[in-house]
């Protein structure tokens, strides 16, 4: 069964970007939902990897990379839509 908790909200939870009431709600859900707990672990792992990248890799020239990143983000968002079979 697929959980309806959004990965965007889970990412905000991991980065402590939710208001306190939302953080409590998501925390409670993550404690009960193995799928979301796994997603939270993956987000932690990804953020740790990004934090280890050299600053030059993050601050360099992104002008030629943005269209591909935007396309990937849109594809990922559509992949999360319920009932989408594409």
PDB file of N, CA and C in Angstrom:
ATOM      1  N   UNK A   1       0.842  -1.182   0.000  1.00  0.00           N
ATOM      2  CA  UNK A   1       0.000   0.000   0.000  1.00  0.00           C
ATOM      3  C   UNK A   1       0.885   1.242   0.000  1.00  0.00           C
ATOM      4  N   UNK A   2       0.520   2.212  -0.815  1.00  0.00           N
ATOM      5  CA  UNK A   2       1.299   3.447  -0.901  1.00  0.00           C
ATOM      6  C   UNK A   2       0.716   4.497   0.038  1.00  0.00           C
ATOM      7  N   UNK A   3       1.573   5.088   0.821  1.00  0.00           N
ATOM      8  CA  UNK A   3       1.155   6.119   1.766  1.00  0.00           C
ATOM      9  C   UNK A   3       0.867   7.416   1.036  1.00  0.00           C
ATOM     10  N   UNK A   4      -0.064   8.174   1.543  1.00  0.00           N
ATOM     11  CA  UNK A   4      -0.425   9.449   0.919  1.00  0.00           C
ATOM     12  C   UNK A   4       0.416  10.621   1.430  1.00  0.00           C
ATOM     13  N   UNK A   5       1.337  10.363   2.343  1.00  0.00           N
ATOM     14  CA  UNK A   5       2.207  11.423   2.854  1.00  0.00           C
ATOM     15  C   UNK A   5       3.113  11.884   1.718  1.00  0.00           C
ATOM     16  N   UNK A   6       3.142  13.170   1.429  1.00  0.00           N
ATOM     17  CA  UNK A   6       3.951  13.683   0.331  1.00  0.00           C
ATOM     18  C   UNK A   6       5.426  13.745   0.677  1.00  0.00           C
ATOM     19  N   UNK A   7       6.263  13.419  -0.316  1.00  0.00           N
ATOM     20  CA  UNK A   7       7.708  13.466  -0.072  1.00  0.00           C
ATOM     21  C   UNK A   7       8.185  14.892   0.165  1.00  0.00           C
ATOM     22  N   UNK A   8       7.509  15.863  -0.422  1.00  0.00           N
ATOM     23  CA  UNK A   8       7.892  17.256  -0.183  1.00  0.00           C
ATOM     24  C   UNK A   8       7.719  17.604   1.289  1.00  0.00           C
ATOM     25  N   UNK A   9       6.608  17.150   1.872  1.00  0.00           N
ATOM     26  CA  UNK A   9       6.364  17.415   3.285  1.00  0.00           C
ATOM     27  C   UNK A   9       7.366  16.655   4.157  1.00  0.00           C
ATOM     28  N   UNK A  10       7.706  15.438   3.754  1.00  0.00           N
ATOM     29  CA  UNK A  10       8.707  14.678   4.507  1.00  0.00           C
ATOM     30  C   UNK A  10      10.069  15.366   4.444  1.00  0.00           C
ATOM     31  N   UNK A  11      10.417  15.899   3.272  1.00  0.00           N
ATOM     32  CA  UNK A  11      11.688  16.620   3.147  1.00  0.00           C
ATOM     33  C   UNK A  11      11.687  17.860   4.034  1.00  0.00           C
ATOM     34  N   UNK A  12      10.574  18.583   4.055  1.00  0.00           N
ATOM     35  CA  UNK A  12      10.474  19.757   4.923  1.00  0.00           C
ATOM     36  C   UNK A  12      10.600  19.348   6.389  1.00  0.00           C
ATOM     37  N   UNK A  13      10.035  18.208   6.734  1.00  0.00           N
ATOM     38  CA  UNK A  13      10.140  17.672   8.102  1.00  0.00           C
ATOM     39  C   UNK A  13      11.601  17.385   8.458  1.00  0.00           C
ATOM     40  N   UNK A  14      12.302  16.718   7.546  1.00  0.00           N
ATOM     41  CA  UNK A  14      13.715  16.376   7.788  1.00  0.00           C
ATOM     42  C   UNK A  14      14.549  17.637   7.971  1.00  0.00           C
ATOM     43  N   UNK A  15      14.238  18.676   7.200  1.00  0.00           N
ATOM     44  CA  UNK A  15      15.022  19.917   7.259  1.00  0.00           C
ATOM     45  C   UNK A  15      14.506  20.883   8.321  1.00  0.00           C
ATOM     46  N   UNK A  16      13.576  20.414   9.165  1.00  0.00           N
ATOM     47  CA  UNK A  16      13.002  21.240  10.246  1.00  0.00           C
ATOM     48  C   UNK A  16      12.387  22.523   9.706  1.00  0.00           C
ATOM     49  N   UNK A  17      11.687  22.402   8.570  1.00  0.00           N
ATOM     50  CA  UNK A  17      11.092  23.567   7.929  1.00  0.00           C
ATOM     51  C   UNK A  17       9.576  23.637   8.112  1.00  0.00           C
ATOM     52  N   UNK A  18       9.018  22.750   8.910  1.00  0.00           N
ATOM     53  CA  UNK A  18       7.578  22.774   9.172  1.00  0.00           C
ATOM     54  C   UNK A  18       7.300  23.575  10.437  1.00  0.00           C
ATOM     55  N   UNK A  19       6.084  24.122  10.508  1.00  0.00           N
ATOM     56  CA  UNK A  19       5.726  24.787  11.761  1.00  0.00           C
ATOM     57  C   UNK A  19       5.574  23.703  12.830  1.00  0.00           C
ATOM     58  N   UNK A  20       5.647  24.083  14.097  1.00  0.00           N
ATOM     59  CA  UNK A  20       5.668  23.081  15.169  1.00  0.00           C
ATOM     60  C   UNK A  20       4.496  22.087  15.137  1.00  0.00           C
ATOM     61  N   UNK A  21       3.302  22.545  14.874  1.00  0.00           N
ATOM     62  CA  UNK A  21       2.144  21.639  14.850  1.00  0.00           C
ATOM     63  C   UNK A  21       2.262  20.634  13.710  1.00  0.00           C
ATOM     64  N   UNK A  22       2.674  21.088  12.542  1.00  0.00           N
ATOM     65  CA  UNK A  22       2.856  20.185  11.404  1.00  0.00           C
ATOM     66  C   UNK A  22       3.980  19.196  11.685  1.00  0.00           C
ATOM     67  N   UNK A  23       5.048  19.664  12.304  1.00  0.00           N
ATOM     68  CA  UNK A  23       6.172  18.778  12.622  1.00  0.00           C
ATOM     69  C   UNK A  23       5.730  17.665  13.560  1.00  0.00           C
ATOM     70  N   UNK A  24       4.903  17.988  14.545  1.00  0.00           N
ATOM     71  CA  UNK A  24       4.400  16.975  15.474  1.00  0.00           C
ATOM     72  C   UNK A  24       3.528  15.972  14.730  1.00  0.00           C
ATOM     73  N   UNK A  25       2.653  16.468  13.850  1.00  0.00           N
ATOM     74  CA  UNK A  25       1.776  15.586  13.092  1.00  0.00           C
ATOM     75  C   UNK A  25       2.578  14.636  12.203  1.00  0.00           C
ATOM     76  N   UNK A  26       3.559  15.188  11.466  1.00  0.00           N
ATOM     77  CA  UNK A  26       4.372  14.356  10.573  1.00  0.00           C
ATOM     78  C   UNK A  26       5.222  13.381  11.383  1.00  0.00           C
ATOM     79  N   UNK A  27       5.788  13.840  12.485  1.00  0.00           N
ATOM     80  CA  UNK A  27       6.592  12.962  13.338  1.00  0.00           C
ATOM     81  C   UNK A  27       5.769  11.767  13.824  1.00  0.00           C
ATOM     82  N   UNK A  28       4.563  12.033  14.246  1.00  0.00           N
ATOM     83  CA  UNK A  28       3.683  10.966  14.706  1.00  0.00           C
ATOM     84  C   UNK A  28       3.394   9.979  13.573  1.00  0.00           C
ATOM     85  N   UNK A  29       3.155  10.506  12.384  1.00  0.00           N
ATOM     86  CA  UNK A  29       2.884   9.646  11.232  1.00  0.00           C
ATOM     87  C   UNK A  29       4.108   8.790  10.884  1.00  0.00           C
ATOM     88  N   UNK A  30       5.275   9.416  10.857  1.00  0.00           N
ATOM     89  CA  UNK A  30       6.505   8.702  10.488  1.00  0.00           C
ATOM     90  C   UNK A  30       6.791   7.569  11.481  1.00  0.00           C
ATOM     91  N   UNK A  31       6.464   7.780  12.739  1.00  0.00           N
ATOM     92  CA  UNK A  31       6.677   6.738  13.750  1.00  0.00           C
ATOM     93  C   UNK A  31       5.788   5.513  13.506  1.00  0.00           C
ATOM     94  N   UNK A  32       4.655   5.720  12.845  1.00  0.00           N
ATOM     95  CA  UNK A  32       3.707   4.624  12.605  1.00  0.00           C
ATOM     96  C   UNK A  32       3.789   4.043  11.200  1.00  0.00           C
ATOM     97  N   UNK A  33       4.351   4.776  10.268  1.00  0.00           N
ATOM     98  CA  UNK A  33       4.348   4.366   8.856  1.00  0.00           C
ATOM     99  C   UNK A  33       5.761   3.964   8.420  1.00  0.00           C
ATOM    100  N   UNK A  34       5.940   2.672   8.168  1.00  0.00           N
ATOM    101  CA  UNK A  34       7.265   2.169   7.789  1.00  0.00           C
ATOM    102  C   UNK A  34       7.723   2.744   6.446  1.00  0.00           C
ATOM    103  N   UNK A  35       6.791   2.933   5.513  1.00  0.00           N
ATOM    104  CA  UNK A  35       7.153   3.476   4.201  1.00  0.00           C
ATOM    105  C   UNK A  35       7.694   4.900   4.338  1.00  0.00           C
ATOM    106  N   UNK A  36       7.004   5.714   5.116  1.00  0.00           N
ATOM    107  CA  UNK A  36       7.459   7.100   5.297  1.00  0.00           C
ATOM    108  C   UNK A  36       8.737   7.161   6.121  1.00  0.00           C
ATOM    109  N   UNK A  37       8.887   6.265   7.086  1.00  0.00           N
ATOM    110  CA  UNK A  37      10.135   6.216   7.854  1.00  0.00           C
ATOM    111  C   UNK A  37      11.298   5.899   6.918  1.00  0.00           C
ATOM    112  N   UNK A  38      11.068   5.006   5.971  1.00  0.00           N
ATOM    113  CA  UNK A  38      12.102   4.698   4.974  1.00  0.00           C
ATOM    114  C   UNK A  38      12.412   5.891   4.100  1.00  0.00           C
ATOM    115  N   UNK A  39      11.345   6.622   3.697  1.00  0.00           N
ATOM    116  CA  UNK A  39      11.561   7.832   2.896  1.00  0.00           C
ATOM    117  C   UNK A  39      12.373   8.863   3.671  1.00  0.00           C
ATOM    118  N   UNK A  40      12.071   9.016   4.952  1.00  0.00           N
ATOM    119  CA  UNK A  40      12.807   9.964   5.798  1.00  0.00           C
ATOM    120  C   UNK A  40      14.280   9.562   5.871  1.00  0.00           C
ATOM    121  N   UNK A  41      14.543   8.276   6.024  1.00  0.00           N
ATOM    122  CA  UNK A  41      15.932   7.801   6.040  1.00  0.00           C
ATOM    123  C   UNK A  41      16.640   8.122   4.725  1.00  0.00           C
ATOM    124  N   UNK A  42      15.943   7.913   3.600  1.00  0.00           N
ATOM    125  CA  UNK A  42      16.532   8.218   2.289  1.00  0.00           C
ATOM    126  C   UNK A  42      16.818   9.708   2.145  1.00  0.00           C
ATOM    127  N   UNK A  43      15.913  10.540   2.623  1.00  0.00           N
ATOM    128  CA  UNK A  43      16.116  11.993   2.546  1.00  0.00           C
ATOM    129  C   UNK A  43      17.322  12.392   3.396  1.00  0.00           C
ATOM    130  N   UNK A  44      17.432  11.823   4.598  1.00  0.00           N
ATOM    131  CA  UNK A  44      18.604  12.093   5.451  1.00  0.00           C
ATOM    132  C   UNK A  44      19.893  11.701   4.725  1.00  0.00           C
ATOM    133  N   UNK A  45      19.899  10.546   4.094  1.00  0.00           N
ATOM    134  CA  UNK A  45      21.080  10.064   3.376  1.00  0.00           C
ATOM    135  C   UNK A  45      21.428  10.999   2.222  1.00  0.00           C
ATOM    136  N   UNK A  46      20.411  11.413   1.473  1.00  0.00           N
ATOM    137  CA  UNK A  46      20.639  12.317   0.342  1.00  0.00           C
ATOM    138  C   UNK A  46      21.197  13.656   0.812  1.00  0.00           C
ATOM    139  N   UNK A  47      20.605  14.221   1.854  1.00  0.00           N
ATOM    140  CA  UNK A  47      21.093  15.504   2.367  1.00  0.00           C
ATOM    141  C   UNK A  47      22.516  15.392   2.889  1.00  0.00           C
ATOM    142  N   UNK A  48      22.837  14.283   3.536  1.00  0.00           N
ATOM    143  CA  UNK A  48      24.203  14.086   4.022  1.00  0.00           C
ATOM    144  C   UNK A  48      25.178  14.039   2.859  1.00  0.00           C
ATOM    145  N   UNK A  49      24.792  13.381   1.767  1.00  0.00           N
ATOM    146  CA  UNK A  49      25.659  13.304   0.588  1.00  0.00           C
ATOM    147  C   UNK A  49      25.846  14.684  -0.037  1.00  0.00           C
ATOM    148  N   UNK A  50      24.774  15.451  -0.116  1.00  0.00           N
ATOM    149  CA  UNK A  50      24.861  16.806  -0.696  1.00  0.00           C
ATOM    150  C   UNK A  50      25.756  17.688   0.165  1.00  0.00           C
ATOM    151  N   UNK A  51      25.651  17.547   1.470  1.00  0.00           N
ATOM    152  CA  UNK A  51      26.477  18.369   2.379  1.00  0.00           C
ATOM    153  C   UNK A  51      27.958  18.052   2.244  1.00  0.00           C
ATOM    154  N   UNK A  52      28.282  16.856   1.755  1.00  0.00           N
ATOM    155  CA  UNK A  52      29.693  16.486   1.583  1.00  0.00           C
ATOM    156  C   UNK A  52      30.269  16.973   0.249  1.00  0.00           C
ATOM    157  N   UNK A  53      29.420  17.460  -0.637  1.00  0.00           N
ATOM    158  CA  UNK A  53      29.916  17.956  -1.927  1.00  0.00           C
ATOM    159  C   UNK A  53      30.747  19.217  -1.719  1.00  0.00           C
ATOM    160  N   UNK A  54      31.769  19.386  -2.527  1.00  0.00           N
ATOM    161  CA  UNK A  54      32.543  20.627  -2.426  1.00  0.00           C
ATOM    162  C   UNK A  54      31.682  21.826  -2.832  1.00  0.00           C
ATOM    163  N   UNK A  55      31.943  22.952  -2.216  1.00  0.00           N
ATOM    164  CA  UNK A  55      31.171  24.163  -2.494  1.00  0.00           C
ATOM    165  C   UNK A  55      31.168  24.500  -3.973  1.00  0.00           C
ATOM    166  N   UNK A  56      32.288  24.249  -4.665  1.00  0.00           N
ATOM    167  CA  UNK A  56      32.366  24.580  -6.099  1.00  0.00           C
ATOM    168  C   UNK A  56      31.303  23.815  -6.892  1.00  0.00           C
ATOM    169  N   UNK A  57      31.014  22.598  -6.474  1.00  0.00           N
ATOM    170  CA  UNK A  57      30.018  21.793  -7.181  1.00  0.00           C
ATOM    171  C   UNK A  57      28.619  22.373  -7.009  1.00  0.00           C
ATOM    172  N   UNK A  58      28.374  23.002  -5.875  1.00  0.00           N
ATOM    173  CA  UNK A  58      27.056  23.564  -5.602  1.00  0.00           C
ATOM    174  C   UNK A  58      26.920  25.001  -6.098  1.00  0.00           C
ATOM    175  N   UNK A  59      28.019  25.737  -6.147  1.00  0.00           N
ATOM    176  CA  UNK A  59      27.948  27.153  -6.463  1.00  0.00           C
ATOM    177  C   UNK A  59      28.419  27.485  -7.876  1.00  0.00           C
ATOM    178  N   UNK A  60      28.754  26.490  -8.645  1.00  0.00           N
ATOM    179  CA  UNK A  60      29.283  26.719  -9.992  1.00  0.00           C
ATOM    180  C   UNK A  60      28.233  27.254 -10.958  1.00  0.00           C
ATOM    181  N   UNK A  61      28.541  27.184 -12.226  1.00  0.00           N
ATOM    182  CA  UNK A  61      27.667  27.671 -13.291  1.00  0.00           C
ATOM    183  C   UNK A  61      26.550  26.662 -13.538  1.00  0.00           C
ATOM    184  N   UNK A  62      25.340  27.021 -13.178  1.00  0.00           N
ATOM    185  CA  UNK A  62      24.177  26.150 -13.331  1.00  0.00           C
ATOM    186  C   UNK A  62      23.358  26.491 -14.572  1.00  0.00           C
ATOM    187  N   UNK A  63      23.764  27.502 -15.324  1.00  0.00           N
ATOM    188  CA  UNK A  63      22.938  27.989 -16.429  1.00  0.00           C
ATOM    189  C   UNK A  63      22.592  26.904 -17.440  1.00  0.00           C
ATOM    190  N   UNK A  64      23.517  26.031 -17.778  1.00  0.00           N
ATOM    191  CA  UNK A  64      23.231  24.986 -18.748  1.00  0.00           C
ATOM    192  C   UNK A  64      22.541  23.775 -18.156  1.00  0.00           C
ATOM    193  N   UNK A  65      22.470  23.709 -16.828  1.00  0.00           N
ATOM    194  CA  UNK A  65      21.910  22.541 -16.161  1.00  0.00           C
ATOM    195  C   UNK A  65      20.453  22.724 -15.741  1.00  0.00           C
ATOM    196  N   UNK A  66      19.989  23.966 -15.632  1.00  0.00           N
ATOM    197  CA  UNK A  66      18.657  24.218 -15.096  1.00  0.00           C
ATOM    198  C   UNK A  66      17.526  23.596 -15.916  1.00  0.00           C
ATOM    199  N   UNK A  67      17.542  23.653 -17.250  1.00  0.00           N
ATOM    200  CA  UNK A  67      16.432  23.019 -17.982  1.00  0.00           C
ATOM    201  C   UNK A  67      16.309  21.521 -17.690  1.00  0.00           C
ATOM    202  N   UNK A  68      17.415  20.808 -17.600  1.00  0.00           N
ATOM    203  CA  UNK A  68      17.371  19.371 -17.300  1.00  0.00           C
ATOM    204  C   UNK A  68      16.879  19.123 -15.875  1.00  0.00           C
ATOM    205  N   UNK A  69      17.325  19.959 -14.939  1.00  0.00           N
ATOM    206  CA  UNK A  69      16.874  19.812 -13.559  1.00  0.00           C
ATOM    207  C   UNK A  69      15.380  20.097 -13.445  1.00  0.00           C
ATOM    208  N   UNK A  70      14.912  21.133 -14.143  1.00  0.00           N
ATOM    209  CA  UNK A  70      13.490  21.469 -14.115  1.00  0.00           C
ATOM    210  C   UNK A  70      12.666  20.313 -14.685  1.00  0.00           C
ATOM    211  N   UNK A  71      13.122  19.756 -15.811  1.00  0.00           N
ATOM    212  CA  UNK A  71      12.415  18.628 -16.415  1.00  0.00           C
ATOM    213  C   UNK A  71      12.377  17.431 -15.464  1.00  0.00           C
ATOM    214  N   UNK A  72      13.477  17.145 -14.801  1.00  0.00           N
ATOM    215  CA  UNK A  72      13.520  16.031 -13.857  1.00  0.00           C
ATOM    216  C   UNK A  72      12.573  16.280 -12.689  1.00  0.00           C
ATOM    217  N   UNK A  73      12.515  17.511 -12.207  1.00  0.00           N
ATOM    218  CA  UNK A  73      11.621  17.840 -11.098  1.00  0.00           C
ATOM    219  C   UNK A  73      10.163  17.683 -11.503  1.00  0.00           C
ATOM    220  N   UNK A  74       9.824  18.119 -12.705  1.00  0.00           N
ATOM    221  CA  UNK A  74       8.443  17.985 -13.185  1.00  0.00           C
ATOM    222  C   UNK A  74       8.086  16.514 -13.349  1.00  0.00           C
ATOM    223  N   UNK A  75       8.997  15.732 -13.925  1.00  0.00           N
ATOM    224  CA  UNK A  75       8.735  14.291 -14.076  1.00  0.00           C
ATOM    225  C   UNK A  75       8.538  13.618 -12.719  1.00  0.00           C
ATOM    226  N   UNK A  76       9.353  13.979 -11.737  1.00  0.00           N
ATOM    227  CA  UNK A  76       9.230  13.400 -10.405  1.00  0.00           C
ATOM    228  C   UNK A  76       7.901  13.789  -9.761  1.00  0.00           C
ATOM    229  N   UNK A  77       7.486  15.037  -9.951  1.00  0.00           N
ATOM    230  CA  UNK A  77       6.207  15.483  -9.387  1.00  0.00           C
ATOM    231  C   UNK A  77       5.048  14.719 -10.012  1.00  0.00           C
ATOM    232  N   UNK A  78       5.076  14.526 -11.324  1.00  0.00           N
ATOM    233  CA  UNK A  78       4.019  13.772 -11.976  1.00  0.00           C
ATOM    234  C   UNK A  78       4.027  12.317 -11.554  1.00  0.00           C
ATOM    235  N   UNK A  79       5.174  11.767 -11.275  1.00  0.00           N
ATOM    236  CA  UNK A  79       5.269  10.368 -10.859  1.00  0.00           C
ATOM    237  C   UNK A  79       4.604  10.145  -9.510  1.00  0.00           C
ATOM    238  N   UNK A  80       4.523  11.193  -8.696  1.00  0.00           N
ATOM    239  CA  UNK A  80       3.913  11.079  -7.363  1.00  0.00           C
ATOM    240  C   UNK A  80       2.416  11.266  -7.386  1.00  0.00           C
ATOM    241  N   UNK A  81       1.838  11.677  -8.523  1.00  0.00           N
ATOM    242  CA  UNK A  81       0.397  11.913  -8.571  1.00  0.00           C
ATOM    243  C   UNK A  81      -0.354  10.590  -8.434  1.00  0.00           C
ATOM    244  N   UNK A  82      -1.366  10.567  -7.543  1.00  0.00           N
ATOM    245  CA  UNK A  82      -2.136   9.332  -7.384  1.00  0.00           C
ATOM    246  C   UNK A  82      -2.908   9.004  -8.660  1.00  0.00           C
ATOM    247  N   UNK A  83      -2.929   7.742  -9.003  1.00  0.00           N
ATOM    248  CA  UNK A  83      -3.687   7.289 -10.154  1.00  0.00           C
ATOM    249  C   UNK A  83      -3.023   7.505 -11.490  1.00  0.00           C
ATOM    250  N   UNK A  84      -1.815   8.047 -11.495  1.00  0.00           N
ATOM    251  CA  UNK A  84      -1.090   8.274 -12.762  1.00  0.00           C
ATOM    252  C   UNK A  84      -0.416   6.984 -13.170  1.00  0.00           C
ATOM    253  N   UNK A  85      -0.747   6.503 -14.350  1.00  0.00           N
ATOM    254  CA  UNK A  85      -0.195   5.234 -14.801  1.00  0.00           C
ATOM    255  C   UNK A  85       0.938   5.400 -15.792  1.00  0.00           C
ATOM    256  N   UNK A  86       1.365   6.631 -16.056  1.00  0.00           N
ATOM    257  CA  UNK A  86       2.463   6.842 -17.012  1.00  0.00           C
ATOM    258  C   UNK A  86       3.810   6.759 -16.370  1.00  0.00           C
TER     259      UNK A  86
END
